[in-house]
Amino acid sequence: MKFSEIIDRLYKGEMFRRYSSPAWAGKFIVKQIPQTVPAEVVPRMTSLPDHAKAFIGTMGDGSISYHDQVLLVEANDYCPKPHATYYIPTWEDIFADDWLVC
């Protein structure tokens, strides 16, 4: 499957990986579900530094929204505990035809 074919399916919650690239062993991508974190929750977030939380509290209604993020999730011999980071496709990923549903 080509990368262009998976974009709409990421919106539907499907997960994908490349199968012929050794660099993709134990990895997959998924689109995060857009969320708004309410102002009263932002100060308790453990994923933001205190200074950022304080600054966000001075903006708008103090909430924070995130959207349009694709995560690369990895769990393999090098990283036995699953972790996630942002994913930006490379040109190789974009033109590859070895994508498959997880």
N, C-alpha and C. Protein backbone atom coordinates (compact mmCIF):
# COMPACT_ATOMS: atom_id res chain seq x y z
N MET A 1 0.84 -1.17 0.00
CA MET A 1 0.00 0.00 0.00
C MET A 1 0.90 1.24 0.00
N LYS A 2 0.46 2.29 -0.68
CA LYS A 2 1.23 3.54 -0.73
C LYS A 2 0.81 4.47 0.40
N PHE A 3 1.71 5.39 0.75
CA PHE A 3 1.44 6.33 1.83
C PHE A 3 0.18 7.15 1.55
N SER A 4 0.00 7.54 0.31
CA SER A 4 -1.18 8.34 -0.03
C SER A 4 -2.48 7.60 0.26
N GLU A 5 -2.43 6.27 0.27
CA GLU A 5 -3.62 5.47 0.54
C GLU A 5 -3.93 5.34 2.03
N ILE A 6 -2.96 5.61 2.87
CA ILE A 6 -3.21 5.41 4.30
C ILE A 6 -3.70 6.67 5.01
N ILE A 7 -3.55 7.83 4.39
CA ILE A 7 -3.89 9.08 5.09
C ILE A 7 -5.34 9.10 5.56
N ASP A 8 -6.29 8.83 4.68
CA ASP A 8 -7.69 8.81 5.10
C ASP A 8 -7.95 7.74 6.15
N ARG A 9 -7.24 6.65 6.06
CA ARG A 9 -7.45 5.56 7.01
C ARG A 9 -6.86 5.88 8.38
N LEU A 10 -5.82 6.72 8.42
CA LEU A 10 -5.32 7.19 9.71
C LEU A 10 -6.41 7.97 10.45
N TYR A 11 -7.18 8.77 9.72
CA TYR A 11 -8.30 9.52 10.31
C TYR A 11 -9.32 8.58 10.94
N LYS A 12 -9.43 7.37 10.42
CA LYS A 12 -10.40 6.40 10.93
C LYS A 12 -9.85 5.59 12.10
N GLY A 13 -8.61 5.87 12.50
CA GLY A 13 -8.03 5.20 13.67
C GLY A 13 -7.18 3.98 13.37
N GLU A 14 -6.93 3.70 12.12
CA GLU A 14 -6.10 2.54 11.79
C GLU A 14 -4.63 2.85 12.05
N MET A 15 -3.87 1.79 12.31
CA MET A 15 -2.43 1.90 12.56
C MET A 15 -1.70 1.27 11.38
N PHE A 16 -0.53 1.82 11.05
CA PHE A 16 0.22 1.33 9.90
C PHE A 16 1.70 1.21 10.21
N ARG A 17 2.34 0.33 9.46
CA ARG A 17 3.79 0.18 9.54
C ARG A 17 4.30 -0.19 8.16
N ARG A 18 5.60 -0.03 8.01
CA ARG A 18 6.25 -0.49 6.77
C ARG A 18 6.78 -1.88 7.03
N TYR A 19 6.61 -2.78 6.08
CA TYR A 19 7.02 -4.16 6.32
C TYR A 19 8.33 -4.57 5.69
N SER A 20 8.85 -3.84 4.71
CA SER A 20 10.10 -4.28 4.10
C SER A 20 11.30 -3.44 4.53
N SER A 21 11.10 -2.55 5.49
CA SER A 21 12.20 -1.72 5.97
C SER A 21 12.60 -2.18 7.38
N PRO A 22 13.82 -2.68 7.55
CA PRO A 22 14.27 -3.13 8.87
C PRO A 22 14.19 -2.03 9.93
N ALA A 23 14.30 -0.78 9.52
CA ALA A 23 14.22 0.33 10.46
C ALA A 23 12.84 0.45 11.11
N TRP A 24 11.84 -0.20 10.54
CA TRP A 24 10.48 -0.13 11.07
C TRP A 24 10.12 -1.31 11.96
N ALA A 25 11.07 -2.15 12.28
CA ALA A 25 10.78 -3.29 13.16
C ALA A 25 10.29 -2.79 14.52
N GLY A 26 9.12 -3.26 14.94
CA GLY A 26 8.58 -2.88 16.23
C GLY A 26 8.01 -1.47 16.29
N LYS A 27 7.74 -0.87 15.13
CA LYS A 27 7.23 0.50 15.09
C LYS A 27 5.94 0.55 14.28
N PHE A 28 5.08 1.50 14.63
CA PHE A 28 3.90 1.78 13.84
C PHE A 28 3.51 3.24 14.01
N ILE A 29 2.66 3.73 13.09
CA ILE A 29 2.17 5.11 13.21
C ILE A 29 0.66 5.08 13.43
N VAL A 30 0.19 6.11 14.11
CA VAL A 30 -1.24 6.26 14.38
C VAL A 30 -1.53 7.75 14.52
N LYS A 31 -2.71 8.19 14.09
CA LYS A 31 -3.10 9.58 14.25
C LYS A 31 -3.76 9.75 15.61
N GLN A 32 -3.29 10.73 16.36
CA GLN A 32 -3.90 11.02 17.65
C GLN A 32 -5.30 11.58 17.44
N ILE A 33 -6.15 11.33 18.41
CA ILE A 33 -7.50 11.88 18.39
C ILE A 33 -7.42 13.31 18.91
N PRO A 34 -7.94 14.29 18.16
CA PRO A 34 -7.88 15.68 18.62
C PRO A 34 -8.54 15.82 20.00
N GLN A 35 -7.93 16.61 20.85
CA GLN A 35 -8.43 16.81 22.20
C GLN A 35 -8.24 18.24 22.63
N THR A 36 -9.09 18.67 23.55
CA THR A 36 -8.89 19.92 24.25
C THR A 36 -8.73 19.58 25.72
N VAL A 37 -7.63 20.01 26.30
CA VAL A 37 -7.37 19.80 27.72
C VAL A 37 -7.91 21.03 28.44
N PRO A 38 -8.92 20.84 29.32
CA PRO A 38 -9.52 21.99 30.00
C PRO A 38 -8.52 22.73 30.88
N ALA A 39 -8.79 24.02 31.10
CA ALA A 39 -7.90 24.88 31.88
C ALA A 39 -7.61 24.31 33.26
N GLU A 40 -8.60 23.68 33.89
CA GLU A 40 -8.37 23.14 35.24
C GLU A 40 -7.48 21.90 35.25
N VAL A 41 -7.31 21.26 34.10
CA VAL A 41 -6.47 20.06 34.00
C VAL A 41 -5.03 20.42 33.63
N VAL A 42 -4.85 21.49 32.86
CA VAL A 42 -3.52 21.88 32.38
C VAL A 42 -2.49 21.94 33.51
N PRO A 43 -2.77 22.54 34.67
CA PRO A 43 -1.75 22.59 35.73
C PRO A 43 -1.32 21.21 36.25
N ARG A 44 -2.14 20.19 36.04
CA ARG A 44 -1.81 18.84 36.51
C ARG A 44 -1.14 17.97 35.44
N MET A 45 -1.00 18.51 34.25
CA MET A 45 -0.38 17.73 33.17
C MET A 45 1.08 17.45 33.50
N THR A 46 1.47 16.21 33.33
CA THR A 46 2.87 15.85 33.58
C THR A 46 3.71 15.92 32.31
N SER A 47 3.08 16.19 31.19
CA SER A 47 3.80 16.23 29.92
C SER A 47 4.26 17.63 29.54
N LEU A 48 3.98 18.61 30.38
CA LEU A 48 4.41 19.98 30.12
C LEU A 48 5.21 20.52 31.29
N PRO A 49 6.26 21.31 31.03
CA PRO A 49 6.99 21.96 32.11
C PRO A 49 6.10 23.00 32.81
N ASP A 50 6.40 23.26 34.07
CA ASP A 50 5.60 24.20 34.86
C ASP A 50 5.52 25.58 34.21
N HIS A 51 6.62 26.05 33.65
CA HIS A 51 6.61 27.38 33.02
C HIS A 51 5.64 27.42 31.84
N ALA A 52 5.60 26.33 31.07
CA ALA A 52 4.68 26.29 29.92
C ALA A 52 3.24 26.26 30.41
N LYS A 53 2.97 25.48 31.45
CA LYS A 53 1.60 25.42 31.99
C LYS A 53 1.16 26.79 32.50
N ALA A 54 2.05 27.49 33.18
CA ALA A 54 1.72 28.82 33.69
C ALA A 54 1.44 29.78 32.53
N PHE A 55 2.25 29.71 31.48
CA PHE A 55 2.06 30.59 30.33
C PHE A 55 0.74 30.30 29.63
N ILE A 56 0.44 29.02 29.44
CA ILE A 56 -0.83 28.63 28.81
C ILE A 56 -2.00 29.18 29.62
N GLY A 57 -1.86 29.19 30.95
CA GLY A 57 -2.91 29.71 31.81
C GLY A 57 -3.21 31.18 31.60
N THR A 58 -2.29 31.91 30.97
CA THR A 58 -2.51 33.34 30.72
C THR A 58 -3.10 33.60 29.34
N MET A 59 -3.27 32.56 28.56
CA MET A 59 -3.72 32.71 27.17
C MET A 59 -5.16 32.23 27.03
N GLY A 60 -5.98 32.98 26.36
CA GLY A 60 -7.36 32.57 26.10
C GLY A 60 -8.06 32.15 27.37
N ASP A 61 -8.68 30.98 27.33
CA ASP A 61 -9.38 30.47 28.51
C ASP A 61 -8.51 29.53 29.34
N GLY A 62 -7.22 29.41 28.99
CA GLY A 62 -6.28 28.58 29.75
C GLY A 62 -6.27 27.12 29.36
N SER A 63 -7.11 26.75 28.40
CA SER A 63 -7.10 25.36 27.93
C SER A 63 -6.07 25.23 26.80
N ILE A 64 -5.79 24.00 26.43
CA ILE A 64 -4.89 23.76 25.31
C ILE A 64 -5.49 22.67 24.43
N SER A 65 -5.42 22.87 23.13
CA SER A 65 -5.94 21.90 22.18
C SER A 65 -4.80 21.35 21.35
N TYR A 66 -4.90 20.09 21.00
CA TYR A 66 -3.95 19.54 20.05
C TYR A 66 -4.71 18.76 19.00
N HIS A 67 -4.15 18.76 17.79
CA HIS A 67 -4.82 18.14 16.66
C HIS A 67 -3.79 17.86 15.57
N ASP A 68 -4.20 17.06 14.63
CA ASP A 68 -3.39 16.77 13.45
C ASP A 68 -1.99 16.27 13.79
N GLN A 69 -1.90 15.40 14.78
CA GLN A 69 -0.62 14.82 15.14
C GLN A 69 -0.61 13.34 14.78
N VAL A 70 0.48 12.90 14.20
CA VAL A 70 0.68 11.48 13.95
C VAL A 70 1.84 11.03 14.82
N LEU A 71 1.62 9.95 15.54
CA LEU A 71 2.64 9.43 16.45
C LEU A 71 3.34 8.23 15.84
N LEU A 72 4.62 8.13 16.12
CA LEU A 72 5.40 6.93 15.84
C LEU A 72 5.53 6.22 17.17
N VAL A 73 4.96 5.04 17.28
CA VAL A 73 5.03 4.25 18.51
C VAL A 73 6.04 3.13 18.28
N GLU A 74 6.91 2.95 19.27
CA GLU A 74 8.00 1.98 19.13
C GLU A 74 8.10 1.11 20.37
N ALA A 75 8.24 -0.18 20.15
CA ALA A 75 8.55 -1.15 21.21
C ALA A 75 9.29 -2.31 20.56
N ASN A 76 10.56 -2.44 20.85
CA ASN A 76 11.36 -3.50 20.27
C ASN A 76 12.52 -3.81 21.21
N ASP A 77 13.52 -4.56 20.76
CA ASP A 77 14.66 -4.93 21.62
C ASP A 77 15.42 -3.71 22.13
N TYR A 78 15.45 -2.64 21.34
CA TYR A 78 16.17 -1.43 21.74
C TYR A 78 15.33 -0.57 22.68
N CYS A 79 14.04 -0.78 22.63
CA CYS A 79 13.11 0.03 23.41
C CYS A 79 11.99 -0.89 23.90
N PRO A 80 12.23 -1.67 24.96
CA PRO A 80 11.24 -2.67 25.39
C PRO A 80 9.95 -2.08 25.94
N LYS A 81 9.99 -0.86 26.47
CA LYS A 81 8.77 -0.21 26.97
C LYS A 81 8.25 0.70 25.87
N PRO A 82 7.01 0.50 25.40
CA PRO A 82 6.51 1.33 24.31
C PRO A 82 6.62 2.82 24.61
N HIS A 83 7.05 3.56 23.62
CA HIS A 83 7.07 5.02 23.74
C HIS A 83 6.62 5.62 22.42
N ALA A 84 6.19 6.86 22.49
CA ALA A 84 5.67 7.54 21.31
C ALA A 84 6.35 8.89 21.14
N THR A 85 6.53 9.25 19.90
CA THR A 85 7.07 10.56 19.55
C THR A 85 6.36 11.01 18.28
N TYR A 86 6.59 12.23 17.87
CA TYR A 86 5.96 12.73 16.66
C TYR A 86 6.49 11.97 15.44
N TYR A 87 5.72 11.97 14.39
CA TYR A 87 6.15 11.33 13.16
C TYR A 87 5.98 12.31 12.01
N ILE A 88 7.03 12.52 11.28
CA ILE A 88 7.01 13.28 10.04
C ILE A 88 7.57 12.34 8.98
N PRO A 89 6.80 12.02 7.95
CA PRO A 89 7.29 11.05 6.96
C PRO A 89 8.48 11.59 6.18
N THR A 90 9.38 10.70 5.89
CA THR A 90 10.50 11.03 5.01
C THR A 90 10.02 10.85 3.56
N TRP A 91 10.80 11.34 2.63
CA TRP A 91 10.45 11.11 1.23
C TRP A 91 10.43 9.62 0.92
N GLU A 92 11.33 8.88 1.54
CA GLU A 92 11.35 7.42 1.34
C GLU A 92 10.02 6.82 1.80
N ASP A 93 9.52 7.26 2.97
CA ASP A 93 8.23 6.76 3.47
C ASP A 93 7.09 7.15 2.54
N ILE A 94 7.12 8.38 2.05
CA ILE A 94 6.05 8.87 1.19
C ILE A 94 5.96 8.08 -0.11
N PHE A 95 7.10 7.73 -0.68
CA PHE A 95 7.10 7.03 -1.96
C PHE A 95 7.13 5.51 -1.83
N ALA A 96 7.21 4.99 -0.61
CA ALA A 96 7.24 3.55 -0.40
C ALA A 96 5.88 2.94 -0.72
N ASP A 97 5.89 1.69 -1.16
CA ASP A 97 4.63 1.00 -1.41
C ASP A 97 4.50 -0.25 -0.54
N ASP A 98 5.20 -0.23 0.61
CA ASP A 98 5.21 -1.39 1.49
C ASP A 98 4.47 -1.14 2.82
N TRP A 99 3.53 -0.20 2.83
CA TRP A 99 2.76 0.09 4.05
C TRP A 99 1.68 -0.98 4.22
N LEU A 100 1.46 -1.37 5.47
CA LEU A 100 0.37 -2.28 5.75
C LEU A 100 -0.30 -1.95 7.06
N VAL A 101 -1.54 -2.39 7.22
CA VAL A 101 -2.31 -2.17 8.43
C VAL A 101 -1.76 -3.08 9.52
N CYS A 102 -1.64 -2.53 10.72
CA CYS A 102 -1.20 -3.34 11.87
C CYS A 102 -2.36 -4.12 12.44
